[in-house]
C-alpha atoms as a PDB file:
ATOM      1  CA  MET A   1       0.000   0.000   0.000  1.00  0.00           C
ATOM      2  CA  ILE A   2       1.393   3.385  -0.948  1.00  0.00           C
ATOM      3  CA  ILE A   3       0.582   6.782   0.424  1.00  0.00           C
ATOM      4  CA  ALA A   4       1.771   9.513  -1.905  1.00  0.00           C
ATOM      5  CA  ILE A   5       3.397  12.593  -0.491  1.00  0.00           C
ATOM      6  CA  VAL A   6       3.632  15.716  -2.557  1.00  0.00           C
ATOM      7  CA  ALA A   7       6.078  17.697  -0.511  1.00  0.00           C
ATOM      8  CA  ALA A   8       6.137  21.365  -0.184  1.00  0.00           C
ATOM      9  CA  ARG A   9       9.101  22.196   1.963  1.00  0.00           C
ATOM     10  CA  ALA A  10       8.977  19.840   4.893  1.00  0.00           C
ATOM     11  CA  SER A  11       9.519  21.407   8.278  1.00  0.00           C
ATOM     12  CA  GLU A  12      12.562  19.793   9.868  1.00  0.00           C
ATOM     13  CA  ALA A  13      12.400  21.381  13.313  1.00  0.00           C
ATOM     14  CA  PRO A  14      12.043  18.785  16.076  1.00  0.00           C
ATOM     15  CA  LEU A  15       8.838  19.114  18.063  1.00  0.00           C
ATOM     16  CA  PRO A  16       9.059  18.922  21.839  1.00  0.00           C
ATOM     17  CA  LEU A  17       6.142  16.473  21.950  1.00  0.00           C
ATOM     18  CA  ILE A  18       3.970  14.569  19.486  1.00  0.00           C
ATOM     19  CA  GLN A  19       1.150  12.726  21.178  1.00  0.00           C
ATOM     20  CA  LEU A  20      -1.680  10.862  19.488  1.00  0.00           C
ATOM     21  CA  ASP A  21      -4.258   9.016  21.586  1.00  0.00           C
ATOM     22  CA  ASN A  22      -6.499   6.486  19.909  1.00  0.00           C
ATOM     23  CA  VAL A  23      -6.491   8.329  16.564  1.00  0.00           C
ATOM     24  CA  PRO A  24      -7.584   6.478  13.397  1.00  0.00           C
ATOM     25  CA  LEU A  25      -4.533   5.703  11.244  1.00  0.00           C
ATOM     26  CA  PRO A  26      -5.646   7.799   8.219  1.00  0.00           C
ATOM     27  CA  ASP A  27      -6.184  10.818  10.493  1.00  0.00           C
ATOM     28  CA  ALA A  28      -2.826  10.306  12.203  1.00  0.00           C
ATOM     29  CA  LEU A  29      -1.063  10.240   8.816  1.00  0.00           C
ATOM     30  CA  ARG A  30      -2.834  13.445   7.744  1.00  0.00           C
ATOM     31  CA  GLN A  31      -2.078  15.216  11.045  1.00  0.00           C
ATOM     32  CA  LEU A  32       1.616  14.401  10.930  1.00  0.00           C
ATOM     33  CA  ALA A  33       1.869  15.434   7.280  1.00  0.00           C
ATOM     34  CA  ARG A  34       0.164  18.735   8.100  1.00  0.00           C
ATOM     35  CA  GLN A  35       2.524  19.344  11.028  1.00  0.00           C
ATOM     36  CA  ALA A  36       5.461  18.618   8.714  1.00  0.00           C
ATOM     37  CA  ARG A  37       4.005  21.084   6.172  1.00  0.00           C
ATOM     38  CA  MET A  38       3.736  18.330   3.605  1.00  0.00           C
ATOM     39  CA  ASN A  39       0.821  17.849   1.235  1.00  0.00           C
ATOM     40  CA  VAL A  40      -0.378  14.277   1.406  1.00  0.00           C
ATOM     41  CA  ILE A  41      -2.523  12.194  -0.909  1.00  0.00           C
ATOM     42  CA  LEU A  42      -3.571   8.965   0.756  1.00  0.00           C
ATOM     43  CA  ASP A  43      -4.285   5.879  -1.262  1.00  0.00           C
ATOM     44  CA  PRO A  44      -8.089   5.469  -0.981  1.00  0.00           C
ATOM     45  CA  ARG A  45      -7.557   1.969   0.456  1.00  0.00           C
ATOM     46  CA  VAL A  46      -6.054   3.540   3.600  1.00  0.00           C
ATOM     47  CA  SER A  47      -9.547   4.855   4.405  1.00  0.00           C
ATOM     48  CA  GLN A  48     -11.021   1.348   4.184  1.00  0.00           C
ATOM     49  CA  ALA A  49     -10.811  -1.661   6.464  1.00  0.00           C
ATOM     50  CA  PRO A  50      -8.529  -2.787   7.962  1.00  0.00           C
ATOM     51  CA  TYR A  51      -6.577   0.517   7.980  1.00  0.00           C
ATOM     52  CA  ARG A  52      -9.483   2.778   8.960  1.00  0.00           C
ATOM     53  CA  ASP A  53     -10.067   0.610  12.024  1.00  0.00           C
ATOM     54  CA  ILE A  54      -6.483   0.889  13.284  1.00  0.00           C
ATOM     55  CA  LYS A  55      -6.148   3.285  16.213  1.00  0.00           C
ATOM     56  CA  VAL A  56      -2.805   4.970  16.791  1.00  0.00           C
ATOM     57  CA  SER A  57      -1.503   5.914  20.227  1.00  0.00           C
ATOM     58  CA  VAL A  58       2.030   7.292  20.352  1.00  0.00           C
ATOM     59  CA  ARG A  59       4.114   9.673  22.396  1.00  0.00           C
ATOM     60  CA  TRP A  60       7.326  10.952  20.859  1.00  0.00           C
ATOM     61  CA  GLU A  61       9.651  13.609  22.201  1.00  0.00           C
ATOM     62  CA  ASN A  62      12.095  15.711  20.186  1.00  0.00           C
ATOM     63  CA  VAL A  63      11.335  14.220  16.768  1.00  0.00           C
ATOM     64  CA  THR A  64      10.208  15.965  13.615  1.00  0.00           C
ATOM     65  CA  ALA A  65       6.688  15.428  12.327  1.00  0.00           C
ATOM     66  CA  ARG A  66       8.278  13.942   9.191  1.00  0.00           C
ATOM     67  CA  GLU A  67      10.147  11.372  11.319  1.00  0.00           C
ATOM     68  CA  GLY A  68       6.866  10.499  13.036  1.00  0.00           C
ATOM     69  CA  LEU A  69       5.126  10.131   9.682  1.00  0.00           C
ATOM     70  CA  ILE A  70       7.882   7.834   8.425  1.00  0.00           C
ATOM     71  CA  ALA A  71       7.662   5.771  11.634  1.00  0.00           C
ATOM     72  CA  LEU A  72       3.912   5.228  11.157  1.00  0.00           C
ATOM     73  CA  VAL A  73       4.353   4.367   7.493  1.00  0.00           C
ATOM     74  CA  ASP A  74       7.037   1.808   8.382  1.00  0.00           C
ATOM     75  CA  ASN A  75       5.136   0.394  11.354  1.00  0.00           C
ATOM     76  CA  TYR A  76       2.024  -0.368   9.288  1.00  0.00           C
ATOM     77  CA  ASP A  77       3.898  -1.691   6.229  1.00  0.00           C
ATOM     78  CA  LEU A  78       2.869   1.239   4.071  1.00  0.00           C
ATOM     79  CA  ALA A  79       5.090   2.983   1.542  1.00  0.00           C
ATOM     80  CA  MET A  80       5.660   6.676   1.058  1.00  0.00           C
ATOM     81  CA  VAL A  81       6.524   8.223  -2.286  1.00  0.00           C
ATOM     82  CA  GLU A  82       7.806  11.780  -2.170  1.00  0.00           C
ATOM     83  CA  SER A  83       7.775  14.237  -4.996  1.00  0.00           C
ATOM     84  CA  ALA A  84       9.705  17.499  -5.184  1.00  0.00           C
ATOM     85  CA  ARG A  85       6.735  19.095  -6.888  1.00  0.00           C
END
């Protein structure tokens, strides 16, 4: 499964805290992309079962939103394609 990322300039500043509590996976991906100032286009299958039913709970300190996004993508065996567009 691929999520496509059309990157504007990604923000690389580490955030003091990223905390997600019981957030649906598609929403978590969108939130992290927004925090990283990246435009994201999710594969429509990510909004269907089983992915839509996955709840994400994480607490990260001193990581960038992009690093968090990559961690979620890796953890759920998704793939991210970035474009310099």
